[in-house]
């Protein structure tokens, strides 16, 4: 259901973000037109692969039932030291929504974070009004722990977010 991104995912991802541009717009930062091209997606993936080699990002694609790319899921802002934490971001295409793909993908990346990367904590944030997206971390054992005012610039304006976290019970 998930696998690490590859540069050759750029075409499939460009098709998805272009097709779902209006669907994703309320939940994403404002994007310039280049983002929706194969070259733009290749640049995003190349940067994430650099960050992966640096140990601060773990980028994956979400796969649909037929194995086609249906979205993205990423652990980012990985911090070790005293924190051992990462931020979680995910989206699935409008056509793939409502089928449990995001929930399953978060469950698998949670396993990777705790079992393979040895992290202690994962944080996720959603827009306050994005109840559908809030169900995804909740179904994976995340607990809502607060609200961050003006947390991220989404759809062209600073918006409040509900914050969720999950902590592995047997770290260390």
C-alpha atoms as a PDB file:
ATOM      1  CA  UNK A   1       0.000   0.000   0.000  1.00  0.00           C
ATOM      2  CA  UNK A   2       3.032   2.313   0.325  1.00  0.00           C
ATOM      3  CA  UNK A   3       6.533   2.267  -1.098  1.00  0.00           C
ATOM      4  CA  UNK A   4       9.456   4.711  -1.146  1.00  0.00           C
ATOM      5  CA  UNK A   5       9.202   7.412  -3.810  1.00  0.00           C
ATOM      6  CA  UNK A   6      11.292   7.219  -6.957  1.00  0.00           C
ATOM      7  CA  UNK A   7      12.094   9.963  -9.428  1.00  0.00           C
ATOM      8  CA  UNK A   8      10.091   8.089 -12.040  1.00  0.00           C
ATOM      9  CA  UNK A   9       6.948   8.657  -9.921  1.00  0.00           C
ATOM     10  CA  UNK A  10       6.976  12.273 -11.138  1.00  0.00           C
ATOM     11  CA  UNK A  11       4.712  11.611 -14.115  1.00  0.00           C
ATOM     12  CA  UNK A  12       2.045   9.764 -12.108  1.00  0.00           C
ATOM     13  CA  UNK A  13       2.159  12.383  -9.351  1.00  0.00           C
ATOM     14  CA  UNK A  14       1.927  15.236 -11.845  1.00  0.00           C
ATOM     15  CA  UNK A  15      -1.159  13.591 -13.355  1.00  0.00           C
ATOM     16  CA  UNK A  16      -2.722  13.260  -9.898  1.00  0.00           C
ATOM     17  CA  UNK A  17      -2.011  16.791  -8.681  1.00  0.00           C
ATOM     18  CA  UNK A  18      -3.119  18.254 -12.008  1.00  0.00           C
ATOM     19  CA  UNK A  19      -6.366  16.236 -12.013  1.00  0.00           C
ATOM     20  CA  UNK A  20      -7.030  16.989  -8.336  1.00  0.00           C
ATOM     21  CA  UNK A  21      -5.806  20.578  -8.310  1.00  0.00           C
ATOM     22  CA  UNK A  22      -9.181  22.009  -7.219  1.00  0.00           C
ATOM     23  CA  UNK A  23      -9.817  19.119  -4.799  1.00  0.00           C
ATOM     24  CA  UNK A  24      -6.441  19.563  -3.033  1.00  0.00           C
ATOM     25  CA  UNK A  25      -6.370  23.389  -3.089  1.00  0.00           C
ATOM     26  CA  UNK A  26      -8.291  23.952   0.191  1.00  0.00           C
ATOM     27  CA  UNK A  27      -5.901  21.615   2.076  1.00  0.00           C
ATOM     28  CA  UNK A  28      -2.536  22.569   0.573  1.00  0.00           C
ATOM     29  CA  UNK A  29      -0.242  25.599   0.379  1.00  0.00           C
ATOM     30  CA  UNK A  30      -0.822  27.787  -2.671  1.00  0.00           C
ATOM     31  CA  UNK A  31       1.214  26.315  -5.530  1.00  0.00           C
ATOM     32  CA  UNK A  32       2.622  27.894  -8.667  1.00  0.00           C
ATOM     33  CA  UNK A  33       1.860  26.330 -12.037  1.00  0.00           C
ATOM     34  CA  UNK A  34       5.253  24.584 -12.208  1.00  0.00           C
ATOM     35  CA  UNK A  35       4.268  22.340  -9.275  1.00  0.00           C
ATOM     36  CA  UNK A  36       1.652  20.640 -11.466  1.00  0.00           C
ATOM     37  CA  UNK A  37       4.116  19.598 -14.182  1.00  0.00           C
ATOM     38  CA  UNK A  38       6.245  16.477 -14.454  1.00  0.00           C
ATOM     39  CA  UNK A  39       9.350  18.655 -14.059  1.00  0.00           C
ATOM     40  CA  UNK A  40       7.874  20.305 -10.964  1.00  0.00           C
ATOM     41  CA  UNK A  41       7.060  16.965  -9.362  1.00  0.00           C
ATOM     42  CA  UNK A  42      10.504  15.622 -10.292  1.00  0.00           C
ATOM     43  CA  UNK A  43      12.053  18.630  -8.485  1.00  0.00           C
ATOM     44  CA  UNK A  44       9.916  17.975  -5.387  1.00  0.00           C
ATOM     45  CA  UNK A  45      10.907  14.304  -5.386  1.00  0.00           C
ATOM     46  CA  UNK A  46      14.595  15.078  -5.982  1.00  0.00           C
ATOM     47  CA  UNK A  47      14.615  17.447  -2.988  1.00  0.00           C
ATOM     48  CA  UNK A  48      12.879  14.888  -0.801  1.00  0.00           C
ATOM     49  CA  UNK A  49      15.365  12.207  -1.832  1.00  0.00           C
ATOM     50  CA  UNK A  50      18.219  14.553  -0.820  1.00  0.00           C
ATOM     51  CA  UNK A  51      16.497  15.078   2.539  1.00  0.00           C
ATOM     52  CA  UNK A  52      16.035  11.307   2.828  1.00  0.00           C
ATOM     53  CA  UNK A  53      19.780  10.768   2.399  1.00  0.00           C
ATOM     54  CA  UNK A  54      20.300  13.404   5.127  1.00  0.00           C
ATOM     55  CA  UNK A  55      18.025  11.404   7.439  1.00  0.00           C
ATOM     56  CA  UNK A  56      15.388  14.124   7.905  1.00  0.00           C
ATOM     57  CA  UNK A  57      12.623  12.931   5.536  1.00  0.00           C
ATOM     58  CA  UNK A  58      11.111   9.567   4.613  1.00  0.00           C
ATOM     59  CA  UNK A  59       8.995  10.033   1.453  1.00  0.00           C
ATOM     60  CA  UNK A  60       6.572   7.390   0.161  1.00  0.00           C
ATOM     61  CA  UNK A  61       3.807   7.078  -2.396  1.00  0.00           C
ATOM     62  CA  UNK A  62       0.420   5.615  -1.520  1.00  0.00           C
ATOM     63  CA  UNK A  63      -0.604   2.822  -3.874  1.00  0.00           C
ATOM     64  CA  UNK A  64      -4.156   2.029  -4.892  1.00  0.00           C
ATOM     65  CA  UNK A  65      -5.606  -1.475  -5.163  1.00  0.00           C
ATOM     66  CA  UNK A  66      -4.172  -1.998  -8.665  1.00  0.00           C
ATOM     67  CA  UNK A  67      -0.738  -0.770  -7.554  1.00  0.00           C
ATOM     68  CA  UNK A  68      -1.076   2.645  -9.222  1.00  0.00           C
ATOM     69  CA  UNK A  69       0.132   5.750  -7.395  1.00  0.00           C
ATOM     70  CA  UNK A  70      -2.866   7.202  -5.524  1.00  0.00           C
ATOM     71  CA  UNK A  71      -1.211   9.789  -3.262  1.00  0.00           C
ATOM     72  CA  UNK A  72       1.740  10.696  -1.047  1.00  0.00           C
ATOM     73  CA  UNK A  73       2.710  10.123   2.569  1.00  0.00           C
ATOM     74  CA  UNK A  74       5.836  11.507   4.196  1.00  0.00           C
ATOM     75  CA  UNK A  75       7.612  11.630   7.506  1.00  0.00           C
ATOM     76  CA  UNK A  76       9.458  14.942   7.677  1.00  0.00           C
ATOM     77  CA  UNK A  77      11.270  17.116  10.205  1.00  0.00           C
ATOM     78  CA  UNK A  78      12.826  13.975  11.678  1.00  0.00           C
ATOM     79  CA  UNK A  79      14.683  14.948  14.830  1.00  0.00           C
ATOM     80  CA  UNK A  80      16.725  12.634  16.992  1.00  0.00           C
ATOM     81  CA  UNK A  81      18.717  13.585  20.099  1.00  0.00           C
ATOM     82  CA  UNK A  82      16.308  14.164  22.963  1.00  0.00           C
ATOM     83  CA  UNK A  83      13.209  14.279  20.704  1.00  0.00           C
ATOM     84  CA  UNK A  84      13.147  11.218  18.344  1.00  0.00           C
ATOM     85  CA  UNK A  85      10.127  12.603  16.541  1.00  0.00           C
ATOM     86  CA  UNK A  86       8.787  13.300  13.046  1.00  0.00           C
ATOM     87  CA  UNK A  87       5.940  15.139  11.375  1.00  0.00           C
ATOM     88  CA  UNK A  88       3.474  13.231   9.226  1.00  0.00           C
ATOM     89  CA  UNK A  89       1.839  14.502   6.053  1.00  0.00           C
ATOM     90  CA  UNK A  90      -0.407  12.609   3.648  1.00  0.00           C
ATOM     91  CA  UNK A  91      -2.943  12.966   0.881  1.00  0.00           C
ATOM     92  CA  UNK A  92      -4.766  10.657  -1.499  1.00  0.00           C
ATOM     93  CA  UNK A  93      -6.454  11.547  -4.738  1.00  0.00           C
ATOM     94  CA  UNK A  94     -10.131  12.374  -4.799  1.00  0.00           C
ATOM     95  CA  UNK A  95     -10.841   9.173  -6.754  1.00  0.00           C
ATOM     96  CA  UNK A  96      -9.022   7.065  -4.139  1.00  0.00           C
ATOM     97  CA  UNK A  97     -10.617   8.769  -1.141  1.00  0.00           C
ATOM     98  CA  UNK A  98     -13.036   7.050   1.203  1.00  0.00           C
ATOM     99  CA  UNK A  99     -11.545   3.585   0.686  1.00  0.00           C
ATOM    100  CA  UNK A 100      -9.288   3.423   3.730  1.00  0.00           C
ATOM    101  CA  UNK A 101      -6.077   3.974   1.739  1.00  0.00           C
ATOM    102  CA  UNK A 102      -4.902   6.944   3.826  1.00  0.00           C
ATOM    103  CA  UNK A 103      -5.690   5.114   7.072  1.00  0.00           C
ATOM    104  CA  UNK A 104      -3.798   2.014   5.943  1.00  0.00           C
ATOM    105  CA  UNK A 105      -0.878   4.098   4.656  1.00  0.00           C
ATOM    106  CA  UNK A 106      -0.570   5.969   7.964  1.00  0.00           C
ATOM    107  CA  UNK A 107      -0.650   2.648   9.815  1.00  0.00           C
ATOM    108  CA  UNK A 108       2.176   1.284   7.690  1.00  0.00           C
ATOM    109  CA  UNK A 109       4.301   4.434   7.962  1.00  0.00           C
ATOM    110  CA  UNK A 110       3.703   4.450  11.728  1.00  0.00           C
ATOM    111  CA  UNK A 111       5.161   0.924  11.799  1.00  0.00           C
ATOM    112  CA  UNK A 112       8.168   2.101   9.764  1.00  0.00           C
ATOM    113  CA  UNK A 113       8.678   5.073  12.082  1.00  0.00           C
ATOM    114  CA  UNK A 114       8.608   3.028  15.274  1.00  0.00           C
ATOM    115  CA  UNK A 115      10.042  -0.329  14.212  1.00  0.00           C
ATOM    116  CA  UNK A 116      12.539   0.603  11.501  1.00  0.00           C
ATOM    117  CA  UNK A 117      13.534   4.173  12.350  1.00  0.00           C
ATOM    118  CA  UNK A 118      13.275   3.766  16.123  1.00  0.00           C
ATOM    119  CA  UNK A 119      11.325   6.996  16.576  1.00  0.00           C
ATOM    120  CA  UNK A 120       9.442   7.740  19.794  1.00  0.00           C
ATOM    121  CA  UNK A 121       6.753  10.122  18.528  1.00  0.00           C
ATOM    122  CA  UNK A 122       4.889  11.134  15.369  1.00  0.00           C
ATOM    123  CA  UNK A 123       2.943  14.372  15.043  1.00  0.00           C
ATOM    124  CA  UNK A 124       0.233  15.213  12.515  1.00  0.00           C
ATOM    125  CA  UNK A 125      -1.749  18.388  11.998  1.00  0.00           C
ATOM    126  CA  UNK A 126      -4.994  18.940  10.145  1.00  0.00           C
ATOM    127  CA  UNK A 127      -7.084  21.977   9.439  1.00  0.00           C
ATOM    128  CA  UNK A 128      -9.706  22.381  12.152  1.00  0.00           C
ATOM    129  CA  UNK A 129     -12.553  21.857   9.684  1.00  0.00           C
ATOM    130  CA  UNK A 130     -10.992  18.832   7.948  1.00  0.00           C
ATOM    131  CA  UNK A 131     -12.843  16.226   9.991  1.00  0.00           C
ATOM    132  CA  UNK A 132     -12.342  13.551   7.331  1.00  0.00           C
ATOM    133  CA  UNK A 133      -8.566  13.900   7.553  1.00  0.00           C
ATOM    134  CA  UNK A 134      -8.680  13.937  11.371  1.00  0.00           C
ATOM    135  CA  UNK A 135     -10.209  10.463  11.368  1.00  0.00           C
ATOM    136  CA  UNK A 136      -7.083   9.047   9.705  1.00  0.00           C
ATOM    137  CA  UNK A 137      -4.661   9.646  12.603  1.00  0.00           C
ATOM    138  CA  UNK A 138      -7.378   8.873  15.162  1.00  0.00           C
ATOM    139  CA  UNK A 139      -7.925   5.447  13.581  1.00  0.00           C
ATOM    140  CA  UNK A 140      -4.181   4.870  13.976  1.00  0.00           C
ATOM    141  CA  UNK A 141      -4.028   5.614  17.702  1.00  0.00           C
ATOM    142  CA  UNK A 142      -3.054   9.293  17.485  1.00  0.00           C
ATOM    143  CA  UNK A 143      -4.520  11.505  20.210  1.00  0.00           C
ATOM    144  CA  UNK A 144      -5.485  15.122  19.693  1.00  0.00           C
ATOM    145  CA  UNK A 145      -3.437  17.207  22.085  1.00  0.00           C
ATOM    146  CA  UNK A 146      -4.057  20.774  21.075  1.00  0.00           C
ATOM    147  CA  UNK A 147      -4.725  23.491  18.576  1.00  0.00           C
ATOM    148  CA  UNK A 148      -2.023  25.527  16.877  1.00  0.00           C
ATOM    149  CA  UNK A 149      -3.245  28.992  15.916  1.00  0.00           C
ATOM    150  CA  UNK A 150      -2.129  30.252  12.490  1.00  0.00           C
ATOM    151  CA  UNK A 151       0.007  27.111  12.179  1.00  0.00           C
ATOM    152  CA  UNK A 152       0.460  26.800   8.406  1.00  0.00           C
ATOM    153  CA  UNK A 153      -0.216  28.955   5.367  1.00  0.00           C
ATOM    154  CA  UNK A 154      -2.809  26.840   3.565  1.00  0.00           C
ATOM    155  CA  UNK A 155      -4.836  27.977   0.553  1.00  0.00           C
ATOM    156  CA  UNK A 156      -3.148  31.361   0.753  1.00  0.00           C
ATOM    157  CA  UNK A 157      -3.873  32.200   4.392  1.00  0.00           C
ATOM    158  CA  UNK A 158      -2.599  31.303   7.846  1.00  0.00           C
ATOM    159  CA  UNK A 159      -4.904  28.677   9.312  1.00  0.00           C
ATOM    160  CA  UNK A 160      -5.367  27.020  12.679  1.00  0.00           C
ATOM    161  CA  UNK A 161      -4.644  23.294  12.929  1.00  0.00           C
ATOM    162  CA  UNK A 162      -5.671  20.461  15.224  1.00  0.00           C
ATOM    163  CA  UNK A 163      -2.530  18.679  16.441  1.00  0.00           C
ATOM    164  CA  UNK A 164      -2.323  14.925  16.949  1.00  0.00           C
ATOM    165  CA  UNK A 165       0.461  12.702  18.213  1.00  0.00           C
ATOM    166  CA  UNK A 166       1.176   9.070  18.840  1.00  0.00           C
ATOM    167  CA  UNK A 167       3.980   7.834  21.072  1.00  0.00           C
ATOM    168  CA  UNK A 168       5.321   4.322  20.927  1.00  0.00           C
ATOM    169  CA  UNK A 169       4.703   2.599  24.263  1.00  0.00           C
ATOM    170  CA  UNK A 170       7.891   0.554  24.247  1.00  0.00           C
ATOM    171  CA  UNK A 171      10.603   2.951  23.041  1.00  0.00           C
ATOM    172  CA  UNK A 172      14.136   2.428  24.275  1.00  0.00           C
END
